[in-house]
Each structure stands twice: as C-alpha cells, then as structure tokens.
C-alpha atoms as a PDB file:
ATOM      1  CA  MET A   1     -46.135  -9.341 -36.171  1.00  0.00           C
ATOM      2  CA  LYS A   2     -42.914  -8.025 -37.676  1.00  0.00           C
ATOM      3  CA  ILE A   3     -40.918  -5.169 -36.160  1.00  0.00           C
ATOM      4  CA  LEU A   4     -37.934  -3.371 -37.684  1.00  0.00           C
ATOM      5  CA  LEU A   5     -35.411  -1.509 -35.526  1.00  0.00           C
ATOM      6  CA  ILE A   6     -33.173   0.994 -37.340  1.00  0.00           C
ATOM      7  CA  GLN A   7     -29.799   1.900 -35.829  1.00  0.00           C
ATOM      8  CA  THR A   8     -27.195   2.614 -38.485  1.00  0.00           C
ATOM      9  CA  ALA A   9     -24.774   4.609 -36.315  1.00  0.00           C
ATOM     10  CA  PHE A  10     -21.681   3.283 -34.569  1.00  0.00           C
ATOM     11  CA  ILE A  11     -20.819   0.148 -32.595  1.00  0.00           C
ATOM     12  CA  GLY A  12     -21.805   1.496 -29.194  1.00  0.00           C
ATOM     13  CA  ASP A  13     -25.113   2.800 -30.539  1.00  0.00           C
ATOM     14  CA  VAL A  14     -26.050  -0.658 -31.800  1.00  0.00           C
ATOM     15  CA  ILE A  15     -25.229  -2.204 -28.426  1.00  0.00           C
ATOM     16  CA  LEU A  16     -27.356   0.386 -26.641  1.00  0.00           C
ATOM     17  CA  ALA A  17     -30.254  -0.555 -28.932  1.00  0.00           C
ATOM     18  CA  THR A  18     -30.192  -4.230 -27.905  1.00  0.00           C
ATOM     19  CA  PRO A  19     -32.417  -3.653 -24.829  1.00  0.00           C
ATOM     20  CA  LEU A  20     -35.268  -3.007 -27.275  1.00  0.00           C
ATOM     21  CA  VAL A  21     -34.703  -6.423 -28.824  1.00  0.00           C
ATOM     22  CA  GLU A  22     -34.754  -8.078 -25.394  1.00  0.00           C
ATOM     23  CA  LYS A  23     -37.913  -6.333 -24.243  1.00  0.00           C
ATOM     24  CA  LEU A  24     -39.832  -6.772 -27.487  1.00  0.00           C
ATOM     25  CA  HIS A  25     -39.020 -10.475 -27.466  1.00  0.00           C
ATOM     26  CA  ARG A  26     -40.289 -10.816 -23.920  1.00  0.00           C
ATOM     27  CA  PHE A  27     -43.564  -8.990 -24.632  1.00  0.00           C
ATOM     28  CA  TYR A  28     -44.080 -10.440 -28.109  1.00  0.00           C
ATOM     29  CA  PRO A  29     -42.330 -13.825 -28.137  1.00  0.00           C
ATOM     30  CA  ASN A  30     -43.891 -14.801 -31.461  1.00  0.00           C
ATOM     31  CA  ALA A  31     -42.997 -11.563 -33.221  1.00  0.00           C
ATOM     32  CA  ARG A  32     -40.053 -11.270 -35.608  1.00  0.00           C
ATOM     33  CA  VAL A  33     -37.686  -8.466 -34.656  1.00  0.00           C
ATOM     34  CA  ASP A  34     -35.339  -7.425 -37.470  1.00  0.00           C
ATOM     35  CA  VAL A  35     -32.535  -4.878 -37.260  1.00  0.00           C
ATOM     36  CA  MET A  36     -31.112  -2.492 -39.837  1.00  0.00           C
ATOM     37  CA  LEU A  37     -27.518  -1.421 -39.239  1.00  0.00           C
ATOM     38  CA  ARG A  38     -24.492  -0.121 -41.077  1.00  0.00           C
ATOM     39  CA  LYS A  39     -22.123  -2.452 -42.894  1.00  0.00           C
ATOM     40  CA  GLY A  40     -19.335  -3.528 -40.559  1.00  0.00           C
ATOM     41  CA  ASN A  41     -21.480  -3.743 -37.430  1.00  0.00           C
ATOM     42  CA  GLU A  42     -23.409  -6.904 -38.317  1.00  0.00           C
ATOM     43  CA  GLY A  43     -20.957  -9.048 -36.338  1.00  0.00           C
ATOM     44  CA  LEU A  44     -22.355  -7.599 -33.115  1.00  0.00           C
ATOM     45  CA  LEU A  45     -25.647  -9.418 -33.631  1.00  0.00           C
ATOM     46  CA  ALA A  46     -24.326 -12.611 -35.223  1.00  0.00           C
ATOM     47  CA  GLY A  47     -26.139 -15.576 -33.713  1.00  0.00           C
ATOM     48  CA  HIS A  48     -28.450 -13.356 -31.650  1.00  0.00           C
ATOM     49  CA  PRO A  49     -31.340 -15.611 -30.611  1.00  0.00           C
ATOM     50  CA  HIS A  50     -33.985 -12.860 -30.689  1.00  0.00           C
ATOM     51  CA  VAL A  51     -33.044 -11.137 -33.956  1.00  0.00           C
ATOM     52  CA  GLY A  52     -34.615 -12.342 -37.184  1.00  0.00           C
ATOM     53  CA  LYS A  53     -33.166 -10.669 -40.250  1.00  0.00           C
ATOM     54  CA  LEU A  54     -30.295  -8.200 -40.451  1.00  0.00           C
ATOM     55  CA  TRP A  55     -30.576  -5.467 -43.066  1.00  0.00           C
ATOM     56  CA  ILE A  56     -27.150  -4.037 -43.911  1.00  0.00           C
ATOM     57  CA  TRP A  57     -26.680  -0.495 -45.215  1.00  0.00           C
ATOM     58  CA  ASP A  58     -23.323   0.099 -46.895  1.00  0.00           C
ATOM     59  CA  LYS A  59     -22.698   3.766 -46.135  1.00  0.00           C
ATOM     60  CA  ARG A  60     -19.162   3.877 -47.488  1.00  0.00           C
ATOM     61  CA  LYS A  61     -19.891   4.144 -51.223  1.00  0.00           C
ATOM     62  CA  LYS A  62     -23.001   4.899 -53.284  1.00  0.00           C
ATOM     63  CA  LYS A  63     -24.629   5.477 -49.931  1.00  0.00           C
ATOM     64  CA  TYR A  64     -28.069   6.633 -51.050  1.00  0.00           C
ATOM     65  CA  ARG A  65     -28.296   4.341 -54.044  1.00  0.00           C
ATOM     66  CA  HIS A  66     -27.753   1.431 -51.694  1.00  0.00           C
ATOM     67  CA  LEU A  67     -30.312   2.850 -49.261  1.00  0.00           C
ATOM     68  CA  LEU A  68     -32.916   3.039 -52.039  1.00  0.00           C
ATOM     69  CA  ALA A  69     -32.253  -0.564 -53.050  1.00  0.00           C
ATOM     70  CA  LEU A  70     -32.621  -1.579 -49.406  1.00  0.00           C
ATOM     71  CA  LEU A  71     -35.898   0.319 -49.155  1.00  0.00           C
ATOM     72  CA  ARG A  72     -37.396  -1.654 -52.029  1.00  0.00           C
ATOM     73  CA  LYS A  73     -36.628  -4.919 -50.240  1.00  0.00           C
ATOM     74  CA  VAL A  74     -37.848  -3.694 -46.851  1.00  0.00           C
ATOM     75  CA  ARG A  75     -41.182  -2.530 -48.284  1.00  0.00           C
ATOM     76  CA  ARG A  76     -41.916  -6.096 -49.376  1.00  0.00           C
ATOM     77  CA  GLU A  77     -41.755  -7.229 -45.739  1.00  0.00           C
ATOM     78  CA  ARG A  78     -44.819  -5.146 -44.754  1.00  0.00           C
ATOM     79  CA  TYR A  79     -43.624  -4.444 -41.207  1.00  0.00           C
ATOM     80  CA  SER A  80     -46.171  -3.778 -38.493  1.00  0.00           C
ATOM     81  CA  VAL A  81     -43.859  -1.321 -36.731  1.00  0.00           C
ATOM     82  CA  VAL A  82     -40.686   0.516 -37.698  1.00  0.00           C
ATOM     83  CA  VAL A  83     -38.716   1.965 -34.778  1.00  0.00           C
ATOM     84  CA  ASN A  84     -36.074   4.449 -35.866  1.00  0.00           C
ATOM     85  CA  LEU A  85     -33.465   5.120 -33.185  1.00  0.00           C
ATOM     86  CA  GLN A  86     -31.590   7.608 -35.356  1.00  0.00           C
ATOM     87  CA  ARG A  87     -32.086  11.356 -35.567  1.00  0.00           C
ATOM     88  CA  PHE A  88     -30.901  11.980 -39.127  1.00  0.00           C
ATOM     89  CA  ALA A  89     -32.906  12.677 -42.268  1.00  0.00           C
ATOM     90  CA  GLY A  90     -31.746   9.653 -44.278  1.00  0.00           C
ATOM     91  CA  THR A  91     -33.186   7.054 -41.924  1.00  0.00           C
ATOM     92  CA  GLY A  92     -36.141   9.344 -41.198  1.00  0.00           C
ATOM     93  CA  LEU A  93     -37.166   9.298 -44.859  1.00  0.00           C
ATOM     94  CA  PHE A  94     -36.461   5.559 -45.036  1.00  0.00           C
ATOM     95  CA  SER A  95     -38.764   4.956 -42.059  1.00  0.00           C
ATOM     96  CA  VAL A  96     -41.588   7.003 -43.537  1.00  0.00           C
ATOM     97  CA  LEU A  97     -41.352   5.220 -46.899  1.00  0.00           C
ATOM     98  CA  ALA A  98     -40.854   1.700 -45.481  1.00  0.00           C
ATOM     99  CA  GLY A  99     -44.560   0.906 -45.762  1.00  0.00           C
ATOM    100  CA  ALA A 100     -45.069  -0.014 -42.113  1.00  0.00           C
ATOM    101  CA  LYS A 101     -48.410   0.331 -40.377  1.00  0.00           C
ATOM    102  CA  SER A 102     -46.737   2.383 -37.624  1.00  0.00           C
ATOM    103  CA  VAL A 103     -43.525   4.427 -37.450  1.00  0.00           C
ATOM    104  CA  VAL A 104     -41.949   5.486 -34.152  1.00  0.00           C
ATOM    105  CA  GLY A 105     -38.909   7.692 -33.642  1.00  0.00           C
ATOM    106  CA  PHE A 106     -37.337  10.635 -31.882  1.00  0.00           C
ATOM    107  CA  ASP A 107     -38.713  14.122 -32.402  1.00  0.00           C
ATOM    108  CA  LYS A 108     -35.244  15.423 -33.298  1.00  0.00           C
ATOM    109  CA  ASN A 109     -35.370  13.599 -36.616  1.00  0.00           C
ATOM    110  CA  PRO A 110     -36.266  16.197 -39.269  1.00  0.00           C
ATOM    111  CA  LEU A 111     -38.793  13.755 -40.803  1.00  0.00           C
ATOM    112  CA  SER A 112     -40.482  12.948 -37.479  1.00  0.00           C
ATOM    113  CA  LEU A 113     -43.498  15.097 -38.380  1.00  0.00           C
ATOM    114  CA  PHE A 114     -44.528  12.197 -40.591  1.00  0.00           C
ATOM    115  CA  TYR A 115     -44.155   9.546 -37.883  1.00  0.00           C
ATOM    116  CA  GLY A 116     -47.137   7.970 -36.207  1.00  0.00           C
ATOM    117  CA  LYS A 117     -45.478   8.472 -32.830  1.00  0.00           C
ATOM    118  CA  ARG A 118     -42.762  10.962 -31.863  1.00  0.00           C
ATOM    119  CA  VAL A 119     -40.758  10.669 -28.653  1.00  0.00           C
ATOM    120  CA  ALA A 120     -38.839  13.529 -27.073  1.00  0.00           C
ATOM    121  CA  HIS A 121     -35.061  13.098 -27.012  1.00  0.00           C
ATOM    122  CA  GLN A 122     -33.176  15.077 -24.406  1.00  0.00           C
ATOM    123  CA  ILE A 123     -29.564  14.733 -23.321  1.00  0.00           C
ATOM    124  CA  GLY A 124     -29.078  14.976 -19.567  1.00  0.00           C
ATOM    125  CA  GLY A 125     -31.752  14.924 -16.918  1.00  0.00           C
ATOM    126  CA  GLY A 126     -30.262  11.813 -15.372  1.00  0.00           C
ATOM    127  CA  LEU A 127     -31.347   9.573 -18.235  1.00  0.00           C
ATOM    128  CA  HIS A 128     -29.091   6.918 -19.700  1.00  0.00           C
ATOM    129  CA  GLU A 129     -29.142   6.451 -23.488  1.00  0.00           C
ATOM    130  CA  VAL A 130     -30.724   3.039 -22.906  1.00  0.00           C
ATOM    131  CA  GLN A 131     -33.613   4.717 -21.095  1.00  0.00           C
ATOM    132  CA  ARG A 132     -34.032   7.206 -23.922  1.00  0.00           C
ATOM    133  CA  ASN A 133     -34.112   4.349 -26.438  1.00  0.00           C
ATOM    134  CA  LEU A 134     -36.591   2.314 -24.421  1.00  0.00           C
ATOM    135  CA  MET A 135     -39.027   5.239 -24.455  1.00  0.00           C
ATOM    136  CA  LEU A 136     -39.570   4.459 -28.137  1.00  0.00           C
ATOM    137  CA  ILE A 137     -41.313   1.189 -27.288  1.00  0.00           C
ATOM    138  CA  ALA A 138     -42.807   2.067 -23.887  1.00  0.00           C
ATOM    139  CA  HIS A 139     -46.269   2.245 -25.483  1.00  0.00           C
ATOM    140  CA  LEU A 140     -45.784  -1.322 -26.728  1.00  0.00           C
ATOM    141  CA  THR A 141     -44.205  -2.734 -23.559  1.00  0.00           C
ATOM    142  CA  ASP A 142     -43.708  -0.933 -20.231  1.00  0.00           C
ATOM    143  CA  GLN A 143     -41.501   1.653 -18.509  1.00  0.00           C
ATOM    144  CA  ALA A 144     -39.045  -0.810 -16.945  1.00  0.00           C
ATOM    145  CA  PHE A 145     -35.294  -0.679 -17.587  1.00  0.00           C
ATOM    146  CA  GLU A 146     -33.594  -3.364 -19.663  1.00  0.00           C
ATOM    147  CA  MET A 147     -29.886  -4.107 -19.884  1.00  0.00           C
ATOM    148  CA  PRO A 148     -28.020  -4.267 -23.200  1.00  0.00           C
ATOM    149  CA  LYS A 149     -26.975  -7.784 -24.104  1.00  0.00           C
ATOM    150  CA  LEU A 150     -24.681  -9.493 -26.587  1.00  0.00           C
ATOM    151  CA  TYR A 151     -24.568 -13.204 -27.358  1.00  0.00           C
ATOM    152  CA  PRO A 152     -21.071 -14.568 -28.062  1.00  0.00           C
ATOM    153  CA  GLN A 153     -21.388 -18.076 -29.437  1.00  0.00           C
ATOM    154  CA  PRO A 154     -19.557 -21.159 -28.068  1.00  0.00           C
ATOM    155  CA  ALA A 155     -16.998 -20.739 -30.860  1.00  0.00           C
ATOM    156  CA  ASP A 156     -16.311 -17.176 -29.695  1.00  0.00           C
ATOM    157  CA  PHE A 157     -15.608 -18.342 -26.157  1.00  0.00           C
ATOM    158  CA  GLY A 158     -13.539 -21.238 -27.476  1.00  0.00           C
ATOM    159  CA  SER A 159     -11.351 -18.942 -29.560  1.00  0.00           C
ATOM    160  CA  VAL A 160     -10.236 -16.939 -26.499  1.00  0.00           C
ATOM    161  CA  GLU A 161     -10.069 -19.761 -23.969  1.00  0.00           C
ATOM    162  CA  ARG A 162      -6.297 -20.048 -24.474  1.00  0.00           C
ATOM    163  CA  LEU A 163      -5.934 -16.486 -23.138  1.00  0.00           C
ATOM    164  CA  LYS A 164      -7.592 -17.284 -19.817  1.00  0.00           C
ATOM    165  CA  GLY A 165      -4.898 -19.439 -18.271  1.00  0.00           C
ATOM    166  CA  LYS A 166      -4.234 -16.895 -15.509  1.00  0.00           C
ATOM    167  CA  PRO A 167      -6.125 -13.867 -14.168  1.00  0.00           C
ATOM    168  CA  TYR A 168      -6.045 -11.004 -16.651  1.00  0.00           C
ATOM    169  CA  ILE A 169      -7.157  -7.478 -17.366  1.00  0.00           C
ATOM    170  CA  THR A 170      -8.034  -5.914 -20.703  1.00  0.00           C
ATOM    171  CA  ILE A 171      -7.264  -2.376 -21.793  1.00  0.00           C
ATOM    172  CA  SER A 172      -9.034  -0.783 -24.772  1.00  0.00           C
ATOM    173  CA  PRO A 173      -6.858   2.322 -25.114  1.00  0.00           C
ATOM    174  CA  ALA A 174      -8.225   3.870 -28.315  1.00  0.00           C
ATOM    175  CA  SER A 175     -11.170   6.032 -29.315  1.00  0.00           C
ATOM    176  CA  VAL A 176     -12.301   7.535 -32.583  1.00  0.00           C
ATOM    177  CA  TRP A 177     -12.007  10.944 -30.898  1.00  0.00           C
ATOM    178  CA  PHE A 178      -8.761  12.277 -29.425  1.00  0.00           C
ATOM    179  CA  THR A 179     -10.448  14.038 -26.499  1.00  0.00           C
ATOM    180  CA  LYS A 180     -12.260  10.858 -25.454  1.00  0.00           C
ATOM    181  CA  GLN A 181      -9.027   8.880 -25.311  1.00  0.00           C
ATOM    182  CA  LEU A 182      -6.765   8.735 -22.286  1.00  0.00           C
ATOM    183  CA  PRO A 183      -3.210   9.584 -23.465  1.00  0.00           C
ATOM    184  CA  PRO A 184      -0.928   6.588 -24.160  1.00  0.00           C
ATOM    185  CA  GLU A 185       1.459   7.530 -21.350  1.00  0.00           C
ATOM    186  CA  LYS A 186      -1.378   7.153 -18.842  1.00  0.00           C
ATOM    187  CA  TRP A 187      -2.124   3.649 -20.080  1.00  0.00           C
ATOM    188  CA  ALA A 188       1.601   2.896 -19.890  1.00  0.00           C
ATOM    189  CA  GLU A 189       1.549   3.999 -16.227  1.00  0.00           C
ATOM    190  CA  LEU A 190      -1.335   1.636 -15.540  1.00  0.00           C
ATOM    191  CA  ILE A 191       0.499  -1.271 -17.180  1.00  0.00           C
ATOM    192  CA  ALA A 192       3.597  -0.531 -15.092  1.00  0.00           C
ATOM    193  CA  LEU A 193       1.521  -0.525 -11.897  1.00  0.00           C
ATOM    194  CA  THR A 194      -0.306  -3.789 -12.640  1.00  0.00           C
ATOM    195  CA  GLY A 195       1.141  -6.746 -10.769  1.00  0.00           C
ATOM    196  CA  SER A 196       2.808  -9.589 -12.632  1.00  0.00           C
ATOM    197  CA  ASP A 197       0.136 -11.996 -11.354  1.00  0.00           C
ATOM    198  CA  LYS A 198      -2.172 -10.752 -14.114  1.00  0.00           C
ATOM    199  CA  ALA A 199      -1.866 -10.969 -17.863  1.00  0.00           C
ATOM    200  CA  ILE A 200      -2.645  -7.759 -19.780  1.00  0.00           C
ATOM    201  CA  TYR A 201      -4.425  -7.763 -23.146  1.00  0.00           C
ATOM    202  CA  LEU A 202      -4.739  -4.670 -25.322  1.00  0.00           C
ATOM    203  CA  LEU A 203      -7.940  -4.672 -27.365  1.00  0.00           C
ATOM    204  CA  GLY A 204      -9.126  -2.721 -30.374  1.00  0.00           C
ATOM    205  CA  GLY A 205      -9.892  -2.854 -34.062  1.00  0.00           C
ATOM    206  CA  GLY A 206      -7.421  -2.999 -36.907  1.00  0.00           C
ATOM    207  CA  GLY A 207      -7.104   0.780 -36.891  1.00  0.00           C
ATOM    208  CA  ASP A 208      -5.990   0.674 -33.253  1.00  0.00           C
ATOM    209  CA  ALA A 209      -3.160  -1.800 -33.860  1.00  0.00           C
ATOM    210  CA  SER A 210      -0.414   0.850 -34.017  1.00  0.00           C
ATOM    211  CA  LEU A 211      -1.313   2.293 -30.611  1.00  0.00           C
ATOM    212  CA  CYS A 212      -1.717  -1.128 -29.001  1.00  0.00           C
ATOM    213  CA  GLU A 213       1.547  -2.421 -30.441  1.00  0.00           C
ATOM    214  CA  GLN A 214       3.332   0.712 -29.225  1.00  0.00           C
ATOM    215  CA  LEU A 215       2.040   0.134 -25.691  1.00  0.00           C
ATOM    216  CA  ALA A 216       2.970  -3.556 -25.875  1.00  0.00           C
ATOM    217  CA  ARG A 217       6.548  -2.676 -26.869  1.00  0.00           C
ATOM    218  CA  GLN A 218       6.826  -0.073 -24.128  1.00  0.00           C
ATOM    219  CA  SER A 219       5.610  -2.607 -21.572  1.00  0.00           C
ATOM    220  CA  GLY A 220       8.617  -4.843 -22.193  1.00  0.00           C
ATOM    221  CA  GLY A 221       6.435  -7.874 -22.725  1.00  0.00           C
ATOM    222  CA  ARG A 222       4.021  -7.246 -19.860  1.00  0.00           C
ATOM    223  CA  ALA A 223       1.140  -6.522 -22.246  1.00  0.00           C
ATOM    224  CA  ALA A 224       0.078  -8.285 -25.433  1.00  0.00           C
ATOM    225  CA  SER A 225      -1.687  -6.549 -28.307  1.00  0.00           C
ATOM    226  CA  LEU A 226      -4.766  -8.314 -29.717  1.00  0.00           C
ATOM    227  CA  ALA A 227      -5.905  -5.320 -31.769  1.00  0.00           C
ATOM    228  CA  GLY A 228      -7.447  -6.403 -35.035  1.00  0.00           C
ATOM    229  CA  GLN A 229      -7.227 -10.081 -34.089  1.00  0.00           C
ATOM    230  CA  LEU A 230     -10.609 -10.588 -32.408  1.00  0.00           C
ATOM    231  CA  SER A 231     -14.166 -10.099 -33.627  1.00  0.00           C
ATOM    232  CA  PHE A 232     -16.649  -8.048 -31.617  1.00  0.00           C
ATOM    233  CA  LEU A 233     -18.097 -11.146 -29.986  1.00  0.00           C
ATOM    234  CA  GLN A 234     -14.692 -12.721 -29.330  1.00  0.00           C
ATOM    235  CA  SER A 235     -13.682  -9.508 -27.556  1.00  0.00           C
ATOM    236  CA  ALA A 236     -16.925  -9.662 -25.563  1.00  0.00           C
ATOM    237  CA  ALA A 237     -16.190 -13.284 -24.607  1.00  0.00           C
ATOM    238  CA  LEU A 238     -12.729 -12.284 -23.379  1.00  0.00           C
ATOM    239  CA  MET A 239     -13.970  -9.223 -21.479  1.00  0.00           C
ATOM    240  CA  ARG A 240     -16.643 -11.196 -19.648  1.00  0.00           C
ATOM    241  CA  ASP A 241     -14.141 -13.121 -17.517  1.00  0.00           C
ATOM    242  CA  ALA A 242     -11.516 -10.407 -17.003  1.00  0.00           C
ATOM    243  CA  ALA A 243     -10.562  -9.253 -13.516  1.00  0.00           C
ATOM    244  CA  MET A 244     -11.051  -5.721 -14.929  1.00  0.00           C
ATOM    245  CA  ASN A 245     -11.715  -4.088 -18.285  1.00  0.00           C
ATOM    246  CA  TYR A 246     -10.302  -0.587 -18.741  1.00  0.00           C
ATOM    247  CA  VAL A 247     -12.125   1.473 -21.366  1.00  0.00           C
ATOM    248  CA  ASN A 248     -12.619   5.019 -22.598  1.00  0.00           C
ATOM    249  CA  ASP A 249     -16.019   6.580 -23.267  1.00  0.00           C
ATOM    250  CA  SER A 250     -16.260   4.483 -26.427  1.00  0.00           C
ATOM    251  CA  ALA A 251     -17.607   1.222 -27.840  1.00  0.00           C
ATOM    252  CA  PRO A 252     -15.680  -1.206 -25.558  1.00  0.00           C
ATOM    253  CA  LEU A 253     -17.416   0.434 -22.578  1.00  0.00           C
ATOM    254  CA  HIS A 254     -20.760  -0.697 -23.976  1.00  0.00           C
ATOM    255  CA  ILE A 255     -19.471  -4.165 -24.848  1.00  0.00           C
ATOM    256  CA  ALA A 256     -18.493  -4.536 -21.182  1.00  0.00           C
ATOM    257  CA  SER A 257     -21.955  -3.363 -20.115  1.00  0.00           C
ATOM    258  CA  ALA A 258     -23.618  -5.864 -22.445  1.00  0.00           C
ATOM    259  CA  MET A 259     -21.596  -8.677 -20.854  1.00  0.00           C
ATOM    260  CA  ASN A 260     -22.017  -7.326 -17.294  1.00  0.00           C
ATOM    261  CA  ALA A 261     -18.223  -7.476 -17.130  1.00  0.00           C
ATOM    262  CA  PRO A 262     -16.006  -5.644 -14.598  1.00  0.00           C
ATOM    263  CA  THR A 263     -15.505  -2.126 -15.922  1.00  0.00           C
ATOM    264  CA  THR A 264     -13.331   0.893 -15.198  1.00  0.00           C
ATOM    265  CA  ALA A 265     -14.487   3.627 -17.570  1.00  0.00           C
ATOM    266  CA  VAL A 266     -12.310   6.692 -18.115  1.00  0.00           C
ATOM    267  CA  PHE A 267     -14.110   9.904 -19.079  1.00  0.00           C
ATOM    268  CA  CYS A 268     -11.913  12.712 -20.364  1.00  0.00           C
ATOM    269  CA  SER A 269     -13.715  15.516 -22.237  1.00  0.00           C
ATOM    270  CA  THR A 270     -17.183  13.978 -21.860  1.00  0.00           C
ATOM    271  CA  THR A 271     -19.093  13.075 -18.700  1.00  0.00           C
ATOM    272  CA  PRO A 272     -21.295  10.164 -17.612  1.00  0.00           C
ATOM    273  CA  ALA A 273     -24.147  12.677 -17.205  1.00  0.00           C
ATOM    274  CA  PHE A 274     -24.616  12.657 -20.984  1.00  0.00           C
ATOM    275  CA  GLY A 275     -26.131   9.186 -20.571  1.00  0.00           C
ATOM    276  CA  PHE A 276     -23.365   6.828 -21.649  1.00  0.00           C
ATOM    277  CA  ALA A 277     -22.117   5.646 -18.251  1.00  0.00           C
ATOM    278  CA  PRO A 278     -21.138   1.986 -17.755  1.00  0.00           C
ATOM    279  CA  LEU A 279     -23.998  -0.282 -16.709  1.00  0.00           C
ATOM    280  CA  ALA A 280     -22.163  -3.379 -15.494  1.00  0.00           C
ATOM    281  CA  GLN A 281     -22.627  -4.253 -11.865  1.00  0.00           C
ATOM    282  CA  GLY A 282     -20.006  -2.504  -9.723  1.00  0.00           C
ATOM    283  CA  ALA A 283     -18.574  -0.506 -12.627  1.00  0.00           C
ATOM    284  CA  ARG A 284     -16.126   2.298 -11.788  1.00  0.00           C
ATOM    285  CA  VAL A 285     -15.829   5.730 -13.409  1.00  0.00           C
ATOM    286  CA  VAL A 286     -12.503   7.571 -13.463  1.00  0.00           C
ATOM    287  CA  GLU A 287     -12.364  11.263 -14.302  1.00  0.00           C
ATOM    288  CA  ALA A 288     -10.315  14.326 -13.433  1.00  0.00           C
ATOM    289  CA  THR A 289     -10.878  15.545  -9.875  1.00  0.00           C
ATOM    290  CA  PRO A 290     -11.491  18.395  -9.686  1.00  0.00           C
ATOM    291  CA  PRO A 291     -12.601  18.639 -13.315  1.00  0.00           C
ATOM    292  CA  PRO A 292     -11.292  21.541 -15.408  1.00  0.00           C
ATOM    293  CA  ALA A 293     -13.764  24.403 -15.734  1.00  0.00           C
ATOM    294  CA  CYS A 294     -13.974  23.775 -19.506  1.00  0.00           C
ATOM    295  CA  ARG A 295     -15.259  20.210 -19.084  1.00  0.00           C
ATOM    296  CA  PRO A 296     -17.374  18.983 -20.740  1.00  0.00           C
ATOM    297  CA  CYS A 297     -16.478  20.781 -23.941  1.00  0.00           C
ATOM    298  CA  GLY A 298     -19.139  19.032 -26.016  1.00  0.00           C
ATOM    299  CA  LEU A 299     -21.376  16.013 -26.323  1.00  0.00           C
ATOM    300  CA  HIS A 300     -18.970  14.280 -28.691  1.00  0.00           C
ATOM    301  CA  GLY A 301     -15.200  14.220 -28.783  1.00  0.00           C
ATOM    302  CA  TYR A 302     -12.837  16.414 -30.780  1.00  0.00           C
ATOM    303  CA  LYS A 303      -9.727  15.698 -32.824  1.00  0.00           C
ATOM    304  CA  ALA A 304      -7.803  18.025 -30.493  1.00  0.00           C
ATOM    305  CA  CYS A 305      -8.422  19.770 -27.180  1.00  0.00           C
ATOM    306  CA  PRO A 306     -10.170  23.099 -27.954  1.00  0.00           C
ATOM    307  CA  LYS A 307      -8.129  24.760 -25.183  1.00  0.00           C
ATOM    308  CA  GLY A 308      -4.850  23.102 -26.102  1.00  0.00           C
ATOM    309  CA  HIS A 309      -4.050  21.710 -22.641  1.00  0.00           C
ATOM    310  CA  PHE A 310      -6.206  18.525 -22.478  1.00  0.00           C
ATOM    311  CA  GLY A 311      -6.297  18.921 -18.718  1.00  0.00           C
ATOM    312  CA  CYS A 312      -9.325  16.652 -18.351  1.00  0.00           C
ATOM    313  CA  ALA A 313      -7.052  13.726 -19.298  1.00  0.00           C
ATOM    314  CA  HIS A 314      -3.570  14.772 -18.177  1.00  0.00           C
ATOM    315  CA  SER A 315      -4.749  15.506 -14.625  1.00  0.00           C
ATOM    316  CA  ILE A 316      -5.981  11.937 -14.095  1.00  0.00           C
ATOM    317  CA  ARG A 317      -3.618  10.321 -11.613  1.00  0.00           C
ATOM    318  CA  PRO A 318      -2.159   6.787 -11.897  1.00  0.00           C
ATOM    319  CA  GLU A 319      -3.648   5.738  -8.539  1.00  0.00           C
ATOM    320  CA  GLN A 320      -7.130   6.555  -9.852  1.00  0.00           C
ATOM    321  CA  LEU A 321      -6.706   4.003 -12.601  1.00  0.00           C
ATOM    322  CA  LEU A 322      -5.348   1.100 -10.615  1.00  0.00           C
ATOM    323  CA  TYR A 323      -7.808  -1.514  -9.515  1.00  0.00           C
ATOM    324  CA  ARG A 324      -6.768  -4.161  -7.048  1.00  0.00           C
ATOM    325  CA  ALA A 325      -8.967  -7.249  -6.854  1.00  0.00           C
END
C-alpha cells in the first residue's frame, strides 16, 4: 500500500500534517507514506523514520510547468490513496490526475467534487488544525488525536550541544505577517527582564536576521542571534531543551509543539480559537487582556494594522511575557 500526503503550504502547515504520518504508520506499518511539499520545506522531514519519498514542488519559478513534470512522475507510482490537505485548485487538480485508487481532501477545494471522499473544513468550533487534518484519514484509522512530531537527527542535536552549557530560553521574534508579530520593543522588554542566569537565543530564518541582530545589539550582549544559522531540525533540537520558547502565532510555535517543548505563544491579531494554539504540555498563551473590540481582524495576518493602532500587541504587558522557572 502506498499513500501520498500533499501539503505544499508553509512550514507550520507541514508540521501540522505530521500527525497523519504518525497515525498512518501505526495503523499500516508496512505501507509507504510519501509526502509532497514545497521546495524549501523538505528539511523538516529529513531523516523522518516513517516517511518514504519526498516529492518537492518548486513554486518559485515555472510553477505549473514543474507541477506537470511532478505529476508525470507521481502517476507512475500508482498510489492507493492520495490525501490532499490543501484547499487550492492547483493541488486539487494534481490529486484528481495523480492516478490513485482513492482521493481524499477538504470540501473547500474547488476540485473536491471529483474526490472519492470529501471532508468538511470549518474554522472554529473548538477544533485544532491537527484535528481538522486527522479527519481526512479517520475512515482509514480512528477518531483519536495525534500529536505533531519532528525527528531531529543525532547530528542536529550535536550541532547545538555547545549552546546548552547553561539554562537558556529561545525567542523567535519574527513572523511573515506584521500583525502576528509582537513589536520589537516588547521582545526587548522581555530580554531586559530575563535574569542573567539564563542564556537567550534569538531564532529565525535568514530573512529574520536583521530583526534578531537588532535585538541582540539592543540587549548589550544579553541575547545572541542565531537567525539563519540553524536548520529547521537544529532549531527543533535547541528548542526541545530550553527553559522556555517564546513564539508568535507562526511556524516556531508548531516546531515547539512537535518537540513537546516549553512554549509561551503570543497571539496578537489572531486568536487560538482559530485552531493553531500550542500543543506542548503546559504551554502558555499570552494575549491582550481585555482584547480590543476589533480582534481578531482576520484569520491570517496583515502587513499593517487595519485600524492603525495595533492595540492587540501594544497592550500586552511585560509581566505577561515573563516566565520564571
């Protein structure tokens, strides 16, 4: 039996798809579970013991030409089941044409009329995104919850071991969206309040280096920027053993969940009720109290506050952020 999971969205979306890999492996230990994802995210599943083949879609140039070439290769595999976690037409058409015996996906995909099984997708109602995703394979497995999981390799842990000489916290201060990102001055306040008994590491991708380096300079040496220096799995290996990981409603939140690592998640314009709350044991959520009447202003973030005041972030108080072990 061969199963293909399709999740070609962003980093966090891939992580929140990993519970399907875990559950399918448990129910069908002899099956091969392959994953299709966007170029740049393959490092998340490097060395994953339950993933067979990774299919990589380069969406940055000649997007649909590359997708067609990928489709030709996938059709040769003759998958038993294709599970499409995405709700966009491109992957919907790909799923229908992949030549699988069965296609499963969300009803919000415009091509879902051609699926063998359609599953309702609804934001809210107390459901986490992981639960929504798991509904896609409930008919193949069961209704039980499954945690997301990443598998840093021994080399990943070894590469960050030098950073674990004393207790430490990590801060992932950036987000793709302005209104999902706590303002830099708030992170600076947290750094100033953190005792000198803990090291502070600022995490992020290469595009976050400027922000992290700015915060490191402002800290007067209290914090060190590692932005752009660690892979996804190296970051996960570092976050696992932190005294606390501070994150926005963004990908590092889900990395922490996948490692069951201590988490303080800051929600600005969005809310945990959308289904993207932290899942790690004992995780904390920080948000404006009371929340502005305009919050939430949308399911996803914006490049600027629609009201111009960004009160959902600026009203968060320093004492809300601080965690004392």
